[in-house]
Amino acid sequence: MIFRRSSVPGRRFGNGISDGQPMERISAYSRQPRALIRGLTQSWPSCSRWIQPAFARTSMRLAPCAARTQRARSNYTKLENEPTDHAIGRSRGGLTTKVHALTDALVRPVSLLLTSGQAGDNPALEPLLDAYRIQENTKRGFTLLADKAYSHPSTRARLRKRRIKNAIPERIDQKQHRKDKGQQGGRPPRFDRDLYKKRNTVERGFSRFKQWRGIATRYDKYALTYQGGVLLAAIILHHKPI
């Protein structure tokens, strides 16, 4: 409680001293012992020209808690083939989705796969090849052109088992590891540099995908919804070869 200045003998109003006018009420709830107020008023001389500002102890009432808002229950339903993570993962760019694709020499997508953004490229190769074999329903040979992300020895072994020719460059650390083993390191894998120059078809294929804003930037919650848009774009691109 704040005591005001007064040029005349103060008159008591409630729990404070004022200059003859009632003091304005405040929102805080104040409690003071009457004995303390009586002692203060009796000790002051009646000829005082001014009153020293002072502060008394006050107690604040706590505001009532706001009532909890009623929320509707979640209407989320788990779809049959929907992945648990909705093909959304956290990578350097934040929450992202990765599209794995195989393209032919005419820059047409022939096989697609969705994974979360932090998933590696190498584990998705075999599912892509299996999907391509099923939809083509043929055993004709082809040559796989891939970058250094697919140069692991286990990947090369699986490609040899499938009898799939490939042109995949060897990483520097793999070259050094093979040289350190000497004769036990074996021969370097076969690599056709001129044929590898045609690998730009897959990069151009992804550039064609990015013409659709809904494909380049995902806005769909469910992976099946986003996959439907990707497949629709792939069908359009497949019938419009470069």
C-alpha atoms as a PDB file:
ATOM      1  CA  MET A   1       0.000   0.000   0.000  1.00  0.00           C
ATOM      2  CA  ILE A   2       1.426   3.421  -0.997  1.00  0.00           C
ATOM      3  CA  PHE A   3       0.924   6.480   1.237  1.00  0.00           C
ATOM      4  CA  ARG A   4       0.491   9.757  -0.661  1.00  0.00           C
ATOM      5  CA  ARG A   5       1.944  13.174   0.155  1.00  0.00           C
ATOM      6  CA  SER A   6      -0.389  15.536   2.027  1.00  0.00           C
ATOM      7  CA  SER A   7      -0.058  19.272   2.810  1.00  0.00           C
ATOM      8  CA  VAL A   8      -2.722  19.137   5.536  1.00  0.00           C
ATOM      9  CA  PRO A   9      -3.174  16.894   8.494  1.00  0.00           C
ATOM     10  CA  GLY A  10      -4.018  13.579   6.959  1.00  0.00           C
ATOM     11  CA  ARG A  11      -7.361  11.927   7.331  1.00  0.00           C
ATOM     12  CA  ARG A  12      -7.697   8.195   7.434  1.00  0.00           C
ATOM     13  CA  PHE A  13      -9.629   6.368   4.742  1.00  0.00           C
ATOM     14  CA  GLY A  14      -9.730   2.592   5.038  1.00  0.00           C
ATOM     15  CA  ASN A  15      -6.234   1.147   5.247  1.00  0.00           C
ATOM     16  CA  GLY A  16      -4.329   4.267   4.069  1.00  0.00           C
ATOM     17  CA  ILE A  17      -3.752   7.956   4.625  1.00  0.00           C
ATOM     18  CA  SER A  18      -4.942  10.397   1.965  1.00  0.00           C
ATOM     19  CA  ASP A  19      -5.371  14.146   1.512  1.00  0.00           C
ATOM     20  CA  GLY A  20      -9.056  14.133   2.212  1.00  0.00           C
ATOM     21  CA  GLN A  21     -10.120  12.173  -0.907  1.00  0.00           C
ATOM     22  CA  PRO A  22     -10.739   8.439  -0.908  1.00  0.00           C
ATOM     23  CA  MET A  23      -7.857   6.532  -2.486  1.00  0.00           C
ATOM     24  CA  GLU A  24      -8.435   4.652  -5.695  1.00  0.00           C
ATOM     25  CA  ARG A  25      -9.049   0.968  -5.361  1.00  0.00           C
ATOM     26  CA  ILE A  26      -6.492  -1.434  -6.782  1.00  0.00           C
ATOM     27  CA  SER A  27      -6.879  -4.950  -8.001  1.00  0.00           C
ATOM     28  CA  ALA A  28      -4.652  -6.448  -5.322  1.00  0.00           C
ATOM     29  CA  TYR A  29      -6.303  -7.544  -2.142  1.00  0.00           C
ATOM     30  CA  SER A  30      -4.658  -5.818   0.872  1.00  0.00           C
ATOM     31  CA  ARG A  31      -4.745  -6.910   4.486  1.00  0.00           C
ATOM     32  CA  GLN A  32      -3.103  -4.867   7.263  1.00  0.00           C
ATOM     33  CA  PRO A  33      -3.366  -5.235  11.018  1.00  0.00           C
ATOM     34  CA  ARG A  34      -5.437  -2.420  12.544  1.00  0.00           C
ATOM     35  CA  ALA A  35      -2.921  -2.120  15.391  1.00  0.00           C
ATOM     36  CA  LEU A  36      -0.155  -1.306  12.906  1.00  0.00           C
ATOM     37  CA  ILE A  37      -2.235   1.432  11.251  1.00  0.00           C
ATOM     38  CA  ARG A  38      -3.307   2.893  14.626  1.00  0.00           C
ATOM     39  CA  GLY A  39       0.306   3.008  15.823  1.00  0.00           C
ATOM     40  CA  LEU A  40       1.484   4.740  12.667  1.00  0.00           C
ATOM     41  CA  THR A  41      -1.220   7.427  12.767  1.00  0.00           C
ATOM     42  CA  GLN A  42      -0.701   8.209  16.473  1.00  0.00           C
ATOM     43  CA  SER A  43       3.059   8.589  16.141  1.00  0.00           C
ATOM     44  CA  TRP A  44       2.859  11.199  13.397  1.00  0.00           C
ATOM     45  CA  PRO A  45       2.557  14.867  14.617  1.00  0.00           C
ATOM     46  CA  SER A  46      -0.519  16.770  13.510  1.00  0.00           C
ATOM     47  CA  CYS A  47       1.613  19.595  12.117  1.00  0.00           C
ATOM     48  CA  SER A  48       3.419  17.491   9.585  1.00  0.00           C
ATOM     49  CA  ARG A  49       3.788  19.239   6.274  1.00  0.00           C
ATOM     50  CA  TRP A  50       4.628  16.076   4.340  1.00  0.00           C
ATOM     51  CA  ILE A  51       4.418  12.327   4.768  1.00  0.00           C
ATOM     52  CA  GLN A  52       7.318   9.985   4.066  1.00  0.00           C
ATOM     53  CA  PRO A  53       6.409   7.424   1.397  1.00  0.00           C
ATOM     54  CA  ALA A  54       6.200   3.945   2.829  1.00  0.00           C
ATOM     55  CA  PHE A  55       5.177   0.484   1.687  1.00  0.00           C
ATOM     56  CA  ALA A  56       3.203  -2.031   3.636  1.00  0.00           C
ATOM     57  CA  ARG A  57       3.058  -5.767   3.091  1.00  0.00           C
ATOM     58  CA  THR A  58       0.316  -6.869   0.755  1.00  0.00           C
ATOM     59  CA  SER A  59      -0.929 -10.290  -0.185  1.00  0.00           C
ATOM     60  CA  MET A  60      -2.022 -11.073  -3.739  1.00  0.00           C
ATOM     61  CA  ARG A  61      -4.889 -13.370  -4.534  1.00  0.00           C
ATOM     62  CA  LEU A  62      -4.059 -15.951  -7.158  1.00  0.00           C
ATOM     63  CA  ALA A  63      -6.022 -15.687 -10.354  1.00  0.00           C
ATOM     64  CA  PRO A  64      -8.379 -18.603 -10.929  1.00  0.00           C
ATOM     65  CA  CYS A  65      -7.085 -21.258 -13.325  1.00  0.00           C
ATOM     66  CA  ALA A  66      -8.518 -21.156 -16.802  1.00  0.00           C
ATOM     67  CA  ALA A  67     -10.876 -23.985 -17.564  1.00  0.00           C
ATOM     68  CA  ARG A  68      -9.439 -26.676 -19.803  1.00  0.00           C
ATOM     69  CA  THR A  69     -10.689 -26.568 -23.339  1.00  0.00           C
ATOM     70  CA  GLN A  70     -12.575 -29.557 -24.623  1.00  0.00           C
ATOM     71  CA  ARG A  71     -10.816 -31.256 -27.537  1.00  0.00           C
ATOM     72  CA  ALA A  72     -12.216 -33.641 -30.065  1.00  0.00           C
ATOM     73  CA  ARG A  73     -10.662 -37.066 -30.246  1.00  0.00           C
ATOM     74  CA  SER A  74      -8.254 -37.850 -33.044  1.00  0.00           C
ATOM     75  CA  ASN A  75      -9.919 -39.108 -36.212  1.00  0.00           C
ATOM     76  CA  TYR A  76      -6.710 -40.705 -37.521  1.00  0.00           C
ATOM     77  CA  THR A  77      -7.223 -44.087 -39.139  1.00  0.00           C
ATOM     78  CA  LYS A  78      -4.358 -46.414 -40.011  1.00  0.00           C
ATOM     79  CA  LEU A  79      -4.517 -47.303 -43.678  1.00  0.00           C
ATOM     80  CA  GLU A  80      -3.724 -50.830 -44.774  1.00  0.00           C
ATOM     81  CA  ASN A  81      -0.489 -50.225 -46.716  1.00  0.00           C
ATOM     82  CA  GLU A  82       0.495 -46.964 -45.054  1.00  0.00           C
ATOM     83  CA  PRO A  83       3.999 -47.075 -43.478  1.00  0.00           C
ATOM     84  CA  THR A  84       4.259 -46.235 -39.803  1.00  0.00           C
ATOM     85  CA  ASP A  85       6.487 -43.187 -40.388  1.00  0.00           C
ATOM     86  CA  HIS A  86       4.443 -42.054 -43.443  1.00  0.00           C
ATOM     87  CA  ALA A  87       7.741 -42.065 -45.399  1.00  0.00           C
ATOM     88  CA  ILE A  88       8.786 -38.902 -43.558  1.00  0.00           C
ATOM     89  CA  GLY A  89      12.210 -38.708 -41.942  1.00  0.00           C
ATOM     90  CA  ARG A  90      14.539 -36.105 -40.521  1.00  0.00           C
ATOM     91  CA  SER A  91      17.673 -35.243 -42.485  1.00  0.00           C
ATOM     92  CA  ARG A  92      19.808 -32.134 -42.969  1.00  0.00           C
ATOM     93  CA  GLY A  93      16.945 -30.358 -44.702  1.00  0.00           C
ATOM     94  CA  GLY A  94      14.474 -31.116 -41.926  1.00  0.00           C
ATOM     95  CA  LEU A  95      11.495 -33.409 -42.464  1.00  0.00           C
ATOM     96  CA  THR A  96      11.958 -34.932 -45.900  1.00  0.00           C
ATOM     97  CA  THR A  97      10.863 -37.813 -48.110  1.00  0.00           C
ATOM     98  CA  LYS A  98      13.182 -39.562 -50.540  1.00  0.00           C
ATOM     99  CA  VAL A  99      12.053 -40.828 -53.942  1.00  0.00           C
ATOM    100  CA  HIS A 100      14.125 -43.675 -55.420  1.00  0.00           C
ATOM    101  CA  ALA A 101      13.727 -44.239 -59.148  1.00  0.00           C
ATOM    102  CA  LEU A 102      15.041 -46.158 -62.133  1.00  0.00           C
ATOM    103  CA  THR A 103      14.972 -44.418 -65.499  1.00  0.00           C
ATOM    104  CA  ASP A 104      15.626 -45.732 -68.970  1.00  0.00           C
ATOM    105  CA  ALA A 105      17.687 -44.228 -71.778  1.00  0.00           C
ATOM    106  CA  LEU A 106      14.698 -42.072 -72.861  1.00  0.00           C
ATOM    107  CA  VAL A 107      14.603 -40.351 -69.435  1.00  0.00           C
ATOM    108  CA  ARG A 108      11.386 -42.167 -68.506  1.00  0.00           C
ATOM    109  CA  PRO A 109      10.820 -43.468 -64.942  1.00  0.00           C
ATOM    110  CA  VAL A 110      10.305 -47.238 -64.944  1.00  0.00           C
ATOM    111  CA  SER A 111      10.368 -48.033 -61.219  1.00  0.00           C
ATOM    112  CA  LEU A 112       9.688 -45.918 -58.097  1.00  0.00           C
ATOM    113  CA  LEU A 113      10.034 -46.332 -54.348  1.00  0.00           C
ATOM    114  CA  LEU A 114       9.386 -44.025 -51.368  1.00  0.00           C
ATOM    115  CA  THR A 115      11.398 -44.000 -48.155  1.00  0.00           C
ATOM    116  CA  SER A 116      12.047 -41.565 -45.336  1.00  0.00           C
ATOM    117  CA  GLY A 117      14.574 -38.803 -45.940  1.00  0.00           C
ATOM    118  CA  GLN A 118      17.381 -40.250 -43.821  1.00  0.00           C
ATOM    119  CA  ALA A 119      17.262 -43.680 -45.504  1.00  0.00           C
ATOM    120  CA  GLY A 120      20.253 -44.686 -47.587  1.00  0.00           C
ATOM    121  CA  ASP A 121      20.239 -45.180 -51.342  1.00  0.00           C
ATOM    122  CA  ASN A 122      21.962 -48.564 -51.431  1.00  0.00           C
ATOM    123  CA  PRO A 123      19.302 -50.609 -49.530  1.00  0.00           C
ATOM    124  CA  ALA A 124      16.593 -49.413 -51.949  1.00  0.00           C
ATOM    125  CA  LEU A 125      18.330 -50.785 -55.045  1.00  0.00           C
ATOM    126  CA  GLU A 126      17.143 -54.386 -54.793  1.00  0.00           C
ATOM    127  CA  PRO A 127      13.449 -53.477 -54.255  1.00  0.00           C
ATOM    128  CA  LEU A 128      13.662 -51.221 -57.311  1.00  0.00           C
ATOM    129  CA  LEU A 129      15.150 -54.012 -59.417  1.00  0.00           C
ATOM    130  CA  ASP A 130      12.526 -56.495 -58.190  1.00  0.00           C
ATOM    131  CA  ALA A 131       9.705 -54.096 -59.067  1.00  0.00           C
ATOM    132  CA  TYR A 132      11.195 -53.532 -62.503  1.00  0.00           C
ATOM    133  CA  ARG A 133      11.488 -57.271 -63.182  1.00  0.00           C
ATOM    134  CA  ILE A 134       7.871 -57.861 -62.157  1.00  0.00           C
ATOM    135  CA  GLN A 135       6.342 -55.093 -64.234  1.00  0.00           C
ATOM    136  CA  GLU A 136       8.457 -55.754 -67.325  1.00  0.00           C
ATOM    137  CA  ASN A 137       7.909 -59.535 -67.096  1.00  0.00           C
ATOM    138  CA  THR A 138      10.976 -60.158 -69.199  1.00  0.00           C
ATOM    139  CA  LYS A 139      14.477 -61.468 -68.700  1.00  0.00           C
ATOM    140  CA  ARG A 140      16.193 -59.277 -71.238  1.00  0.00           C
ATOM    141  CA  GLY A 141      19.492 -57.889 -70.041  1.00  0.00           C
ATOM    142  CA  PHE A 142      20.331 -54.282 -69.297  1.00  0.00           C
ATOM    143  CA  THR A 143      23.232 -52.326 -67.869  1.00  0.00           C
ATOM    144  CA  LEU A 144      22.812 -50.507 -64.569  1.00  0.00           C
ATOM    145  CA  LEU A 145      24.484 -47.087 -64.290  1.00  0.00           C
ATOM    146  CA  ALA A 146      24.789 -45.860 -60.709  1.00  0.00           C
ATOM    147  CA  ASP A 147      26.961 -43.482 -58.700  1.00  0.00           C
ATOM    148  CA  LYS A 148      29.413 -44.246 -55.884  1.00  0.00           C
ATOM    149  CA  ALA A 149      26.634 -44.677 -53.327  1.00  0.00           C
ATOM    150  CA  TYR A 150      26.018 -48.136 -54.833  1.00  0.00           C
ATOM    151  CA  SER A 151      29.665 -49.234 -54.992  1.00  0.00           C
ATOM    152  CA  HIS A 152      29.647 -51.419 -51.869  1.00  0.00           C
ATOM    153  CA  PRO A 153      31.126 -54.912 -52.454  1.00  0.00           C
ATOM    154  CA  SER A 154      27.922 -56.568 -51.252  1.00  0.00           C
ATOM    155  CA  THR A 155      25.939 -54.627 -53.867  1.00  0.00           C
ATOM    156  CA  ARG A 156      28.304 -55.716 -56.610  1.00  0.00           C
ATOM    157  CA  ALA A 157      28.001 -59.319 -55.436  1.00  0.00           C
ATOM    158  CA  ARG A 158      24.186 -59.181 -55.595  1.00  0.00           C
ATOM    159  CA  LEU A 159      24.337 -57.685 -59.091  1.00  0.00           C
ATOM    160  CA  ARG A 160      26.654 -60.485 -60.229  1.00  0.00           C
ATOM    161  CA  LYS A 161      24.242 -63.016 -58.758  1.00  0.00           C
ATOM    162  CA  ARG A 162      21.412 -61.429 -60.740  1.00  0.00           C
ATOM    163  CA  ARG A 163      23.673 -61.325 -63.838  1.00  0.00           C
ATOM    164  CA  ILE A 164      23.151 -57.589 -64.239  1.00  0.00           C
ATOM    165  CA  LYS A 165      25.917 -55.661 -65.931  1.00  0.00           C
ATOM    166  CA  ASN A 166      26.816 -52.392 -64.246  1.00  0.00           C
ATOM    167  CA  ALA A 167      29.008 -49.328 -64.554  1.00  0.00           C
ATOM    168  CA  ILE A 168      29.582 -48.107 -60.993  1.00  0.00           C
ATOM    169  CA  PRO A 169      32.733 -46.138 -60.067  1.00  0.00           C
ATOM    170  CA  GLU A 170      34.823 -47.263 -57.126  1.00  0.00           C
ATOM    171  CA  ARG A 171      35.251 -44.993 -54.123  1.00  0.00           C
ATOM    172  CA  ILE A 172      38.714 -43.738 -53.170  1.00  0.00           C
ATOM    173  CA  ASP A 173      38.725 -45.495 -49.805  1.00  0.00           C
ATOM    174  CA  GLN A 174      37.753 -48.766 -51.473  1.00  0.00           C
ATOM    175  CA  LYS A 175      40.612 -48.408 -53.929  1.00  0.00           C
ATOM    176  CA  GLN A 176      43.082 -47.776 -51.117  1.00  0.00           C
ATOM    177  CA  HIS A 177      41.731 -50.680 -49.077  1.00  0.00           C
ATOM    178  CA  ARG A 178      42.118 -53.020 -52.040  1.00  0.00           C
ATOM    179  CA  LYS A 179      45.687 -51.845 -52.686  1.00  0.00           C
ATOM    180  CA  ASP A 180      46.632 -52.285 -49.027  1.00  0.00           C
ATOM    181  CA  LYS A 181      45.669 -55.963 -49.240  1.00  0.00           C
ATOM    182  CA  GLY A 182      48.043 -56.520 -52.148  1.00  0.00           C
ATOM    183  CA  GLN A 183      47.353 -59.659 -54.142  1.00  0.00           C
ATOM    184  CA  GLN A 184      44.574 -60.634 -51.740  1.00  0.00           C
ATOM    185  CA  GLY A 185      42.724 -57.445 -52.622  1.00  0.00           C
ATOM    186  CA  GLY A 186      41.768 -58.886 -56.003  1.00  0.00           C
ATOM    187  CA  ARG A 187      41.306 -57.116 -59.298  1.00  0.00           C
ATOM    188  CA  PRO A 188      39.559 -53.774 -59.596  1.00  0.00           C
ATOM    189  CA  PRO A 189      35.918 -53.969 -60.745  1.00  0.00           C
ATOM    190  CA  ARG A 190      35.232 -53.398 -64.405  1.00  0.00           C
ATOM    191  CA  PHE A 191      34.206 -49.822 -65.150  1.00  0.00           C
ATOM    192  CA  ASP A 192      33.296 -48.320 -68.532  1.00  0.00           C
ATOM    193  CA  ARG A 193      33.933 -44.581 -68.248  1.00  0.00           C
ATOM    194  CA  ASP A 194      32.311 -43.702 -71.589  1.00  0.00           C
ATOM    195  CA  LEU A 195      29.164 -45.639 -70.754  1.00  0.00           C
ATOM    196  CA  TYR A 196      29.000 -44.032 -67.316  1.00  0.00           C
ATOM    197  CA  LYS A 197      28.619 -40.604 -68.951  1.00  0.00           C
ATOM    198  CA  LYS A 198      25.045 -41.563 -69.809  1.00  0.00           C
ATOM    199  CA  ARG A 199      24.093 -41.757 -66.140  1.00  0.00           C
ATOM    200  CA  ASN A 200      22.810 -38.183 -66.389  1.00  0.00           C
ATOM    201  CA  THR A 201      19.477 -39.633 -67.544  1.00  0.00           C
ATOM    202  CA  VAL A 202      18.414 -40.277 -63.950  1.00  0.00           C
ATOM    203  CA  GLU A 203      19.338 -36.744 -62.911  1.00  0.00           C
ATOM    204  CA  ARG A 204      17.366 -35.340 -65.823  1.00  0.00           C
ATOM    205  CA  GLY A 205      14.480 -37.591 -64.870  1.00  0.00           C
ATOM    206  CA  PHE A 206      14.336 -36.081 -61.374  1.00  0.00           C
ATOM    207  CA  SER A 207      14.505 -32.613 -62.888  1.00  0.00           C
ATOM    208  CA  ARG A 208      11.382 -33.436 -64.878  1.00  0.00           C
ATOM    209  CA  PHE A 209       9.659 -34.565 -61.665  1.00  0.00           C
ATOM    210  CA  LYS A 210      10.403 -31.220 -60.047  1.00  0.00           C
ATOM    211  CA  GLN A 211       8.235 -29.426 -62.589  1.00  0.00           C
ATOM    212  CA  TRP A 212       5.299 -30.373 -60.325  1.00  0.00           C
ATOM    213  CA  ARG A 213       5.332 -28.316 -57.137  1.00  0.00           C
ATOM    214  CA  GLY A 214       3.380 -30.971 -55.253  1.00  0.00           C
ATOM    215  CA  ILE A 215       6.099 -33.519 -56.088  1.00  0.00           C
ATOM    216  CA  ALA A 216       9.123 -31.309 -55.478  1.00  0.00           C
ATOM    217  CA  THR A 217       7.668 -30.138 -52.135  1.00  0.00           C
ATOM    218  CA  ARG A 218       5.521 -32.649 -50.319  1.00  0.00           C
ATOM    219  CA  TYR A 219       2.274 -31.327 -48.807  1.00  0.00           C
ATOM    220  CA  ASP A 220       0.485 -34.658 -48.227  1.00  0.00           C
ATOM    221  CA  LYS A 221       0.266 -36.262 -44.816  1.00  0.00           C
ATOM    222  CA  TYR A 222      -0.083 -39.851 -45.990  1.00  0.00           C
ATOM    223  CA  ALA A 223       2.618 -41.581 -47.988  1.00  0.00           C
ATOM    224  CA  LEU A 224       0.012 -43.317 -50.157  1.00  0.00           C
ATOM    225  CA  THR A 225      -1.440 -39.967 -51.198  1.00  0.00           C
ATOM    226  CA  TYR A 226       1.982 -38.599 -52.085  1.00  0.00           C
ATOM    227  CA  GLN A 227       2.894 -41.823 -53.891  1.00  0.00           C
ATOM    228  CA  GLY A 228      -0.265 -41.519 -55.983  1.00  0.00           C
ATOM    229  CA  GLY A 229       0.851 -38.068 -57.140  1.00  0.00           C
ATOM    230  CA  VAL A 230       4.338 -39.369 -57.939  1.00  0.00           C
ATOM    231  CA  LEU A 231       2.908 -42.264 -59.961  1.00  0.00           C
ATOM    232  CA  LEU A 232       0.587 -39.935 -61.848  1.00  0.00           C
ATOM    233  CA  ALA A 233       3.521 -37.696 -62.768  1.00  0.00           C
ATOM    234  CA  ALA A 234       5.552 -40.775 -63.768  1.00  0.00           C
ATOM    235  CA  ILE A 235       2.775 -41.952 -66.114  1.00  0.00           C
ATOM    236  CA  ILE A 236       2.667 -38.548 -67.786  1.00  0.00           C
ATOM    237  CA  LEU A 237       6.451 -38.438 -68.136  1.00  0.00           C
ATOM    238  CA  HIS A 238       6.582 -42.022 -69.407  1.00  0.00           C
ATOM    239  CA  HIS A 239       4.348 -41.112 -72.352  1.00  0.00           C
ATOM    240  CA  LYS A 240       6.271 -37.915 -73.069  1.00  0.00           C
ATOM    241  CA  PRO A 241       9.874 -39.060 -73.647  1.00  0.00           C
ATOM    242  CA  ILE A 242      12.545 -36.503 -74.435  1.00  0.00           C
END
